[in-house]
Amino acid sequence: MSDAKRTYVVETYGCQMNVHDSERIAGLLEADGYVPAATPETADVVVVNTCSVRERAEEKLFTRLGEIRAAAEETGHRPLVAVAGCVAQQEGAEILKRSRLVDVVVGTQAVKQLPSLVARAAEGTRAPLIDLHPHEDVSFPFGLTRRDDPVRAYVTIIEGCNEFCSFCVVPYTRGHERMRPVAEILAEVRHAAATGRREVQLLGQIVNHYQAPDRADVDFAALLELVHEVEGLERIRFASPHPRHFTPRTVAAIRDLPKVCKHLHMPVQSGSTSILKAMRRRYSREEYLDLVASIRETIPGVALSTDVIVGFPGESEADFDETLSLTREVRFHSMYSFKYSPRPRTLAGQRYVDDVSEPGKSRRIVALQQLQRTIQSEILEEMVGKAYDVLIDGPSRRRPDEWAGRTDGNTIVNVAWPDGASRPGDVLGSIIRARVTEAGPNAVKGAPC
């Protein structure tokens, strides 16, 4: 492979942590001399960064590999293909058995090895190479991260998970919980702010379980306080917390620190205590509702979002009705909902019978999503006529003359300037005071005020 053709593309599936992992992969490749390709079809190296949390994740990978193979046959250009992420860690050599297109399989804790694996595969033999062994902890040279987002920066504070919820494959693909030193986190946050990022999102599988390994006095609440002191930042978000790791100190910090957004993602997964117990969530329906009430009393106006799984093994109609009633009671601002599917190596996948029929799961998720749409529409309608600070993060997808941004509560606002009105010369990354003029199903429209 000549230097002139050392181009790459990283394709990302999954959550914010996978997005950030792709930024790290891109940074590693660029440090090794690669440059971004114009299109996947022209790239010399294609990295598919996978997620295994949702159903049919493996099939999505092989479908994409089939598309890459078809494009290579059509153009005559055969890229070197690497598979990274959770499916890589989970499936390993099975990927090579199913696809001869793949040259490199690299696990979640072996990301730093990717450039050397690619180089070895490109030497001429193209013999498949696999590295699933842990080579790194959560620490990572932040200077190697290639950030494409000009407004926000993702910053990992924890890698891995020790919760072992019975439905979740993450502890098996990401490994045990590892905390990143607070000194490294603050250095990366300062670097992000110094390079123009107005918002940071702190990431971890259980982000609010953070305890600094280099400072005994820094828990998650203290970390929020330290990040809050960084000059140049306007907003701080984090994902994803676990309900059972919310402490009064953390809730008070969210209330008292102006830069910390008043939006909390609180995955409930089910409204039934018996299903929560089978899921190994370690809280009951009542404890979750008590936490919501306490948070709302402490942080008036806080926006809450959540994750819900329907059709978990053993979920009866009464159990599902409890999920609907909890949804009505809490009134989430937004929700990610999924049909249960067995994941490899998980307790539920190995020990429980997937006994809710596919039509039953489909019926339940439709009912839940219809309810959530109604609640969400009502919440957005209540915003009409009110003014909010909106951090502009890019052009609107609706119209070319609009810009889009988010409120402190994470609601998307499409901002349009009235005809003849002057607008700032540099809108991207600025905070605009906007009054909501119209509500849609998932976002609102506003005008500067």
Protein backbone atom coordinates (compact mmCIF):
# COMPACT_ATOMS: atom_id res chain seq x y z
CA MET A 1 0.00 0.00 0.00
CA SER A 2 1.67 3.24 -1.10
CA ASP A 3 1.73 6.32 1.10
CA ALA A 4 -0.44 8.17 -1.43
CA LYS A 5 -3.25 5.64 -0.93
CA ARG A 6 -3.17 5.33 2.84
CA THR A 7 -6.79 6.30 3.37
CA TYR A 8 -9.34 5.03 5.85
CA VAL A 9 -13.01 5.06 6.81
CA VAL A 10 -14.43 4.14 10.22
CA GLU A 11 -18.09 3.09 10.24
CA THR A 12 -19.83 3.18 13.61
CA TYR A 13 -22.75 1.23 15.04
CA GLY A 14 -24.12 1.72 18.55
CA CYS A 15 -23.98 4.16 21.42
CA GLN A 16 -22.04 7.29 22.29
CA MET A 17 -19.20 5.20 23.65
CA ASN A 18 -18.84 3.51 20.27
CA VAL A 19 -18.86 6.93 18.59
CA HIS A 20 -16.02 7.98 20.87
CA ASP A 21 -14.18 4.70 20.26
CA SER A 22 -14.34 5.47 16.55
CA GLU A 23 -12.81 8.89 17.23
CA ARG A 24 -9.98 7.09 19.01
CA ILE A 25 -9.55 4.60 16.16
CA ALA A 26 -9.44 7.46 13.63
CA GLY A 27 -6.83 9.23 15.72
CA LEU A 28 -4.67 6.11 15.90
CA LEU A 29 -4.82 5.61 12.14
CA GLU A 30 -4.00 9.24 11.42
CA ALA A 31 -1.05 9.08 13.83
CA ASP A 32 0.14 6.14 11.71
CA GLY A 33 -0.01 8.18 8.51
CA TYR A 34 -3.52 7.58 7.22
CA VAL A 35 -5.92 10.26 6.00
CA PRO A 36 -9.73 10.12 5.74
CA ALA A 37 -11.09 8.69 2.50
CA ALA A 38 -13.69 10.52 0.45
CA THR A 39 -15.98 7.46 0.42
CA PRO A 40 -15.94 3.90 1.80
CA GLU A 41 -15.64 2.60 -1.78
CA THR A 42 -12.30 4.40 -2.27
CA ALA A 43 -10.80 3.71 1.19
CA ASP A 44 -7.74 1.52 1.54
CA VAL A 45 -8.82 0.53 5.06
CA VAL A 46 -12.42 0.15 6.23
CA VAL A 47 -12.95 -0.30 9.98
CA VAL A 48 -16.42 -1.48 11.03
CA ASN A 49 -16.85 -0.58 14.71
CA THR A 50 -19.64 -2.81 15.98
CA CYS A 51 -22.17 -2.95 18.82
CA SER A 52 -23.65 -6.15 20.22
CA VAL A 53 -26.25 -4.77 22.62
CA ARG A 54 -29.28 -4.98 20.36
CA GLU A 55 -30.79 -7.91 18.49
CA ARG A 56 -29.37 -9.04 15.17
CA ALA A 57 -26.18 -7.03 15.76
CA GLU A 58 -24.12 -9.80 14.22
CA GLU A 59 -26.34 -9.97 11.14
CA LYS A 60 -26.01 -6.22 10.63
CA LEU A 61 -22.25 -6.69 10.55
CA PHE A 62 -22.36 -9.47 7.95
CA THR A 63 -24.87 -7.55 5.85
CA ARG A 64 -22.45 -4.62 5.79
CA LEU A 65 -19.54 -6.91 4.95
CA GLY A 66 -21.56 -8.25 2.04
CA GLU A 67 -22.11 -4.71 0.79
CA ILE A 68 -18.39 -3.96 1.02
CA ARG A 69 -17.61 -7.16 -0.91
CA ALA A 70 -20.15 -6.28 -3.62
CA ALA A 71 -18.70 -2.78 -3.99
CA ALA A 72 -15.17 -4.21 -4.24
CA GLU A 73 -16.25 -6.61 -6.98
CA GLU A 74 -17.93 -3.79 -8.87
CA THR A 75 -15.05 -1.29 -8.64
CA GLY A 76 -12.12 -3.71 -8.59
CA HIS A 77 -10.81 -1.97 -5.45
CA ARG A 78 -10.44 -4.37 -2.50
CA PRO A 79 -10.02 -2.54 0.80
CA LEU A 80 -8.39 -4.02 3.86
CA VAL A 81 -11.27 -4.67 6.28
CA ALA A 82 -11.01 -4.58 10.07
CA VAL A 83 -13.82 -5.42 12.49
CA ALA A 84 -13.66 -3.76 15.91
CA GLY A 85 -15.97 -3.26 18.87
CA CYS A 86 -18.23 -5.52 20.86
CA VAL A 87 -19.20 -7.98 18.11
CA ALA A 88 -15.50 -8.43 17.36
CA GLN A 89 -14.83 -9.21 21.03
CA GLN A 90 -17.87 -11.47 21.24
CA GLU A 91 -17.51 -13.48 18.03
CA GLY A 92 -13.73 -13.49 17.43
CA ALA A 93 -12.69 -16.19 14.94
CA GLU A 94 -16.31 -16.90 14.04
CA ILE A 95 -16.26 -13.68 12.02
CA LEU A 96 -13.46 -15.06 9.87
CA LYS A 97 -15.35 -18.31 9.34
CA ARG A 98 -18.34 -16.41 7.99
CA SER A 99 -16.54 -13.81 5.91
CA ARG A 100 -13.30 -14.17 3.97
CA LEU A 101 -13.36 -10.42 3.40
CA VAL A 102 -12.19 -9.64 6.95
CA ASP A 103 -8.45 -9.12 7.45
CA VAL A 104 -8.32 -7.97 11.08
CA VAL A 105 -10.47 -8.60 14.15
CA VAL A 106 -9.58 -6.43 17.13
CA GLY A 107 -11.23 -6.54 20.56
CA THR A 108 -12.52 -3.74 22.73
CA GLN A 109 -9.39 -3.66 24.93
CA ALA A 110 -6.93 -4.07 22.08
CA VAL A 111 -7.75 -0.95 20.10
CA LYS A 112 -4.21 0.41 20.34
CA GLN A 113 -3.00 -2.62 18.38
CA LEU A 114 -5.14 -1.78 15.34
CA PRO A 115 -2.51 0.17 13.33
CA SER A 116 0.11 -2.55 13.77
CA LEU A 117 -2.42 -5.27 12.87
CA VAL A 118 -3.45 -3.33 9.77
CA ALA A 119 0.20 -2.85 8.79
CA ARG A 120 0.93 -6.57 9.15
CA ALA A 121 -2.17 -7.49 7.15
CA ALA A 122 -1.16 -5.06 4.41
CA GLU A 123 2.34 -6.49 4.00
CA GLY A 124 1.15 -8.80 1.27
CA THR A 125 -0.07 -11.99 2.86
CA ARG A 126 -3.42 -10.59 4.07
CA ALA A 127 -3.58 -13.50 6.47
CA PRO A 128 -6.39 -12.79 8.95
CA LEU A 129 -5.18 -11.42 12.27
CA ILE A 130 -7.08 -11.54 15.56
CA ASP A 131 -6.29 -9.74 18.80
CA LEU A 132 -8.89 -10.00 21.54
CA HIS A 133 -6.52 -9.87 24.50
CA PRO A 134 -6.52 -6.93 26.93
CA HIS A 135 -3.65 -4.59 26.11
CA GLU A 136 -5.00 -1.35 27.53
CA ASP A 137 -7.01 -0.03 30.40
CA VAL A 138 -9.38 2.92 30.15
CA SER A 139 -6.48 5.37 29.93
CA PHE A 140 -5.82 6.60 26.42
CA PRO A 141 -3.66 9.42 25.02
CA PHE A 142 -6.30 12.07 24.43
CA GLY A 143 -4.11 13.83 21.88
CA LEU A 144 -4.69 10.92 19.48
CA THR A 145 -8.46 11.31 19.43
CA ARG A 146 -9.79 12.71 16.15
CA ARG A 147 -12.87 14.74 17.02
CA ASP A 148 -15.20 15.57 14.14
CA ASP A 149 -17.80 17.33 16.28
CA PRO A 150 -16.82 21.01 16.56
CA VAL A 151 -19.19 21.72 19.46
CA ARG A 152 -19.05 18.78 21.88
CA ALA A 153 -16.42 16.33 23.06
CA TYR A 154 -16.94 12.83 24.41
CA VAL A 155 -14.67 11.99 27.34
CA THR A 156 -14.52 8.45 28.75
CA ILE A 157 -14.23 8.23 32.54
CA ILE A 158 -15.05 4.52 33.07
CA GLU A 159 -14.63 1.50 30.84
CA GLY A 160 -16.35 -1.83 31.47
CA CYS A 161 -19.10 -2.84 33.88
CA ASN A 162 -19.47 -4.95 37.03
CA GLU A 163 -23.29 -4.90 37.24
CA PHE A 164 -23.98 -8.07 35.20
CA CYS A 165 -27.64 -7.33 34.51
CA SER A 166 -29.01 -10.62 33.25
CA PHE A 167 -29.90 -9.30 29.78
CA CYS A 168 -26.70 -7.36 29.09
CA VAL A 169 -23.64 -8.51 27.15
CA VAL A 170 -21.52 -5.43 27.99
CA PRO A 171 -19.57 -6.93 30.95
CA TYR A 172 -18.49 -9.76 28.65
CA THR A 173 -17.49 -7.57 25.70
CA ARG A 174 -16.12 -4.53 27.55
CA GLY A 175 -14.60 -6.26 30.54
CA HIS A 176 -14.59 -5.40 34.21
CA GLU A 177 -15.02 -1.84 35.46
CA ARG A 178 -11.91 0.32 35.16
CA MET A 179 -11.74 3.92 36.36
CA ARG A 180 -9.70 6.52 34.54
CA PRO A 181 -7.46 8.83 36.61
CA VAL A 182 -9.07 12.20 37.29
CA ALA A 183 -5.87 13.97 36.20
CA GLU A 184 -6.22 12.47 32.72
CA ILE A 185 -9.92 13.28 32.53
CA LEU A 186 -9.35 16.93 33.44
CA ALA A 187 -6.47 17.21 30.98
CA GLU A 188 -8.69 15.94 28.18
CA VAL A 189 -11.57 18.23 29.19
CA ARG A 190 -9.24 21.25 29.23
CA HIS A 191 -7.89 20.27 25.82
CA ALA A 192 -11.44 19.98 24.46
CA ALA A 193 -12.39 23.40 25.82
CA ALA A 194 -9.16 24.96 24.52
CA THR A 195 -9.96 23.66 21.02
CA GLY A 196 -13.40 25.25 21.00
CA ARG A 197 -15.73 22.57 22.35
CA ARG A 198 -18.52 24.14 24.37
CA GLU A 199 -19.94 20.91 25.76
CA VAL A 200 -18.42 17.73 27.17
CA GLN A 201 -20.19 14.44 27.65
CA LEU A 202 -18.68 12.20 30.30
CA LEU A 203 -19.03 8.56 29.30
CA GLY A 204 -19.08 5.26 31.14
CA GLN A 205 -21.15 2.10 31.24
CA ILE A 206 -22.13 3.11 34.79
CA VAL A 207 -20.89 6.68 34.71
CA ASN A 208 -22.16 7.71 38.15
CA HIS A 209 -20.22 4.89 39.82
CA TYR A 210 -16.98 6.78 39.20
CA GLN A 211 -14.30 6.83 41.89
CA ALA A 212 -10.93 8.31 40.93
CA PRO A 213 -8.07 5.80 41.24
CA ASP A 214 -5.58 8.61 41.78
CA ARG A 215 -7.56 10.68 44.32
CA ALA A 216 -9.57 9.09 47.11
CA ASP A 217 -11.59 12.29 47.58
CA VAL A 218 -12.99 12.38 44.03
CA ASP A 219 -16.24 10.51 43.44
CA PHE A 220 -18.64 11.30 40.60
CA ALA A 221 -20.09 14.38 42.32
CA ALA A 222 -16.59 15.74 42.96
CA LEU A 223 -15.62 15.03 39.36
CA LEU A 224 -18.58 17.11 38.17
CA GLU A 225 -17.38 19.94 40.39
CA LEU A 226 -13.84 19.78 38.97
CA VAL A 227 -15.02 19.64 35.35
CA HIS A 228 -17.33 22.57 36.09
CA GLU A 229 -14.28 24.70 36.91
CA VAL A 230 -12.78 24.29 33.41
CA GLU A 231 -12.88 27.62 31.59
CA GLY A 232 -14.51 27.76 28.19
CA LEU A 233 -17.07 25.02 28.84
CA GLU A 234 -20.73 25.92 28.78
CA ARG A 235 -22.38 22.56 29.32
CA ILE A 236 -21.66 19.19 30.93
CA ARG A 237 -23.65 16.03 30.21
CA PHE A 238 -23.06 12.40 31.14
CA ALA A 239 -24.24 8.93 30.11
CA SER A 240 -25.26 6.45 31.21
CA PRO A 241 -25.95 6.41 34.93
CA HIS A 242 -27.49 3.55 36.88
CA PRO A 243 -30.44 4.39 39.17
CA ARG A 244 -28.96 2.55 42.15
CA HIS A 245 -25.75 4.62 42.04
CA PHE A 246 -27.39 8.04 42.36
CA THR A 247 -26.30 9.56 45.66
CA PRO A 248 -27.70 12.68 47.37
CA ARG A 249 -24.29 14.30 46.73
CA THR A 250 -24.55 13.67 42.99
CA VAL A 251 -28.12 14.95 42.77
CA ALA A 252 -27.15 18.07 44.74
CA ALA A 253 -24.17 18.65 42.43
CA ILE A 254 -26.42 18.47 39.37
CA ARG A 255 -28.74 21.00 41.00
CA ASP A 256 -26.03 23.40 42.15
CA LEU A 257 -23.64 23.43 39.18
CA PRO A 258 -25.00 25.69 36.42
CA LYS A 259 -23.00 24.04 33.63
CA VAL A 260 -24.34 20.55 34.41
CA CYS A 261 -27.39 20.03 32.22
CA LYS A 262 -30.66 19.38 33.97
CA HIS A 263 -31.33 16.25 31.96
CA LEU A 264 -30.85 12.77 33.36
CA HIS A 265 -30.96 9.52 31.45
CA MET A 266 -32.26 6.97 33.99
CA PRO A 267 -32.71 3.51 32.44
CA VAL A 268 -35.59 1.76 34.19
CA GLN A 269 -35.85 -1.28 31.82
CA SER A 270 -39.19 -2.44 33.29
CA GLY A 271 -41.98 -1.19 35.52
CA SER A 272 -42.46 -4.57 37.18
CA THR A 273 -40.55 -5.40 40.35
CA SER A 274 -40.57 -9.12 39.56
CA ILE A 275 -39.10 -8.52 36.10
CA LEU A 276 -36.54 -6.08 37.52
CA LYS A 277 -35.47 -8.82 39.91
CA ALA A 278 -35.10 -11.29 37.02
CA MET A 279 -33.09 -8.64 35.17
CA ARG A 280 -30.78 -8.28 38.23
CA ARG A 281 -31.32 -4.52 38.31
CA ARG A 282 -31.15 -4.44 42.14
CA TYR A 283 -33.96 -1.95 42.66
CA SER A 284 -37.73 -2.27 42.78
CA ARG A 285 -40.41 -0.30 40.99
CA GLU A 286 -41.12 1.57 44.21
CA GLU A 287 -37.46 2.44 44.76
CA TYR A 288 -37.18 3.78 41.22
CA LEU A 289 -40.29 5.93 41.63
CA ASP A 290 -39.03 7.20 45.00
CA LEU A 291 -35.73 8.19 43.33
CA VAL A 292 -37.59 10.03 40.56
CA ALA A 293 -39.68 11.90 43.14
CA SER A 294 -36.56 12.84 45.13
CA ILE A 295 -34.71 14.05 42.02
CA ARG A 296 -37.66 16.12 40.85
CA GLU A 297 -38.05 17.67 44.29
CA THR A 298 -34.34 18.54 44.38
CA ILE A 299 -34.02 19.65 40.72
CA PRO A 300 -37.29 21.32 39.65
CA GLY A 301 -37.91 21.07 35.92
CA VAL A 302 -35.38 18.27 35.34
CA ALA A 303 -35.92 16.32 32.11
CA LEU A 304 -35.81 12.54 32.42
CA SER A 305 -35.23 9.98 29.69
CA THR A 306 -35.02 6.21 29.95
CA ASP A 307 -34.49 2.77 28.39
CA VAL A 308 -37.16 0.06 28.42
CA ILE A 309 -37.10 -3.59 27.35
CA VAL A 310 -40.39 -5.32 26.53
CA GLY A 311 -40.95 -9.06 26.27
CA PHE A 312 -38.28 -10.09 28.78
CA PRO A 313 -38.57 -13.81 29.68
CA GLY A 314 -41.49 -14.34 32.03
CA GLU A 315 -43.05 -10.92 31.39
CA SER A 316 -46.81 -11.33 31.77
CA GLU A 317 -49.50 -8.95 30.60
CA ALA A 318 -49.72 -7.67 34.19
CA ASP A 319 -45.96 -7.03 34.22
CA PHE A 320 -46.20 -5.09 30.98
CA ASP A 321 -49.16 -3.09 32.31
CA GLU A 322 -46.90 -2.04 35.18
CA THR A 323 -44.38 -0.72 32.64
CA LEU A 324 -47.17 1.29 31.01
CA SER A 325 -48.38 2.66 34.34
CA LEU A 326 -44.85 3.64 35.39
CA THR A 327 -44.41 5.42 32.06
CA ARG A 328 -47.64 7.35 32.66
CA GLU A 329 -46.58 8.26 36.19
CA VAL A 330 -43.02 9.39 35.42
CA ARG A 331 -43.78 11.09 32.07
CA PHE A 332 -40.37 10.71 30.46
CA HIS A 333 -39.19 13.41 28.07
CA SER A 334 -37.86 10.68 25.77
CA MET A 335 -37.44 6.92 25.72
CA TYR A 336 -35.40 4.25 23.97
CA SER A 337 -37.44 1.05 23.84
CA PHE A 338 -36.45 -2.38 22.60
CA LYS A 339 -37.82 -5.88 22.22
CA TYR A 340 -35.89 -8.41 24.29
CA SER A 341 -33.54 -10.70 22.40
CA PRO A 342 -31.18 -13.24 24.01
CA ARG A 343 -27.57 -12.08 23.98
CA PRO A 344 -24.60 -14.47 24.04
CA ARG A 345 -23.11 -15.45 27.42
CA THR A 346 -25.71 -13.52 29.44
CA LEU A 347 -27.56 -15.07 32.37
CA ALA A 348 -30.93 -14.51 30.74
CA GLY A 349 -29.75 -15.98 27.45
CA GLN A 350 -28.40 -19.11 29.14
CA ARG A 351 -30.96 -19.77 31.88
CA TYR A 352 -34.26 -18.19 30.87
CA VAL A 353 -36.70 -19.35 28.23
CA ASP A 354 -37.48 -16.63 25.68
CA ASP A 355 -41.19 -17.31 26.20
CA VAL A 356 -42.85 -14.11 24.99
CA SER A 357 -43.85 -14.57 21.36
CA GLU A 358 -42.52 -12.27 18.67
CA PRO A 359 -46.05 -10.99 17.87
CA GLY A 360 -46.53 -10.41 21.61
CA LYS A 361 -43.30 -8.40 21.84
CA SER A 362 -44.27 -6.38 18.78
CA ARG A 363 -47.71 -5.59 20.16
CA ARG A 364 -46.24 -4.48 23.47
CA ILE A 365 -43.56 -2.25 22.01
CA VAL A 366 -46.11 -0.59 19.71
CA ALA A 367 -48.36 0.13 22.70
CA LEU A 368 -45.46 1.49 24.76
CA GLN A 369 -44.18 3.69 21.94
CA GLN A 370 -47.66 5.05 21.25
CA LEU A 371 -48.01 6.00 24.92
CA GLN A 372 -44.57 7.61 24.97
CA ARG A 373 -45.32 9.57 21.78
CA THR A 374 -48.44 10.98 23.41
CA ILE A 375 -46.57 11.98 26.57
CA GLN A 376 -43.65 13.41 24.60
CA SER A 377 -45.96 15.45 22.36
CA GLU A 378 -47.70 16.89 25.41
CA ILE A 379 -44.37 17.84 27.00
CA LEU A 380 -43.17 19.53 23.80
CA GLU A 381 -46.50 21.38 23.39
CA GLU A 382 -46.02 22.77 26.90
CA MET A 383 -42.79 24.40 25.70
CA VAL A 384 -44.55 26.60 23.11
CA GLY A 385 -44.32 30.28 24.03
CA LYS A 386 -41.45 29.75 26.47
CA ALA A 387 -37.83 30.84 25.95
CA TYR A 388 -34.79 28.59 26.33
CA ASP A 389 -31.03 28.78 25.92
CA VAL A 390 -30.11 26.67 22.89
CA LEU A 391 -26.56 25.52 22.15
CA ILE A 392 -26.36 25.47 18.35
CA ASP A 393 -24.61 22.28 17.21
CA GLY A 394 -25.26 22.15 13.47
CA PRO A 395 -27.53 22.88 10.52
CA SER A 396 -31.14 21.83 10.84
CA ARG A 397 -32.22 18.68 9.02
CA ARG A 398 -35.58 20.31 8.31
CA ARG A 399 -34.63 23.35 6.26
CA PRO A 400 -31.38 24.83 4.93
CA ASP A 401 -32.10 28.24 6.47
CA GLU A 402 -32.42 26.86 10.01
CA TRP A 403 -29.90 25.83 12.65
CA ALA A 404 -30.45 23.09 15.22
CA GLY A 405 -29.41 22.90 18.83
CA ARG A 406 -30.40 21.54 22.20
CA THR A 407 -31.82 23.00 25.35
CA ASP A 408 -30.37 22.29 28.76
CA GLY A 409 -33.02 19.57 29.01
CA ASN A 410 -31.81 17.96 25.74
CA THR A 411 -34.78 18.97 23.58
CA ILE A 412 -33.85 19.61 19.94
CA VAL A 413 -34.79 23.12 18.79
CA ASN A 414 -34.75 24.12 15.11
CA VAL A 415 -34.01 27.86 15.18
CA ALA A 416 -35.14 30.08 12.32
CA TRP A 417 -34.34 33.77 12.09
CA PRO A 418 -37.26 35.95 10.91
CA ASP A 419 -36.95 37.51 7.47
CA GLY A 420 -34.78 40.58 7.65
CA ALA A 421 -33.46 39.77 11.13
CA SER A 422 -29.70 39.78 11.66
CA ARG A 423 -28.05 36.62 12.86
CA PRO A 424 -24.63 36.11 14.47
CA GLY A 425 -21.82 35.61 11.98
CA ASP A 426 -20.61 32.50 13.81
CA VAL A 427 -23.73 30.61 14.84
CA LEU A 428 -22.18 27.17 15.34
CA GLY A 429 -21.28 26.62 18.97
CA SER A 430 -23.06 29.73 20.20
CA ILE A 431 -25.86 29.80 22.76
CA ILE A 432 -29.00 31.44 21.37
CA ARG A 433 -31.95 32.52 23.47
CA ALA A 434 -34.92 31.20 21.51
CA ARG A 435 -38.65 31.22 22.05
CA VAL A 436 -40.48 28.05 21.03
CA THR A 437 -43.08 28.75 18.34
CA GLU A 438 -44.14 25.26 17.30
CA ALA A 439 -43.97 21.72 18.66
CA GLY A 440 -43.41 18.57 16.64
CA PRO A 441 -43.35 14.90 17.68
CA ASN A 442 -39.62 14.80 18.50
CA ALA A 443 -38.40 18.41 18.40
CA VAL A 444 -39.61 22.00 18.52
CA LYS A 445 -39.17 25.06 16.35
CA GLY A 446 -38.10 28.41 17.74
CA ALA A 447 -37.01 31.94 16.89
CA PRO A 448 -34.35 34.11 18.57
CA CYS A 449 -35.70 36.44 21.20
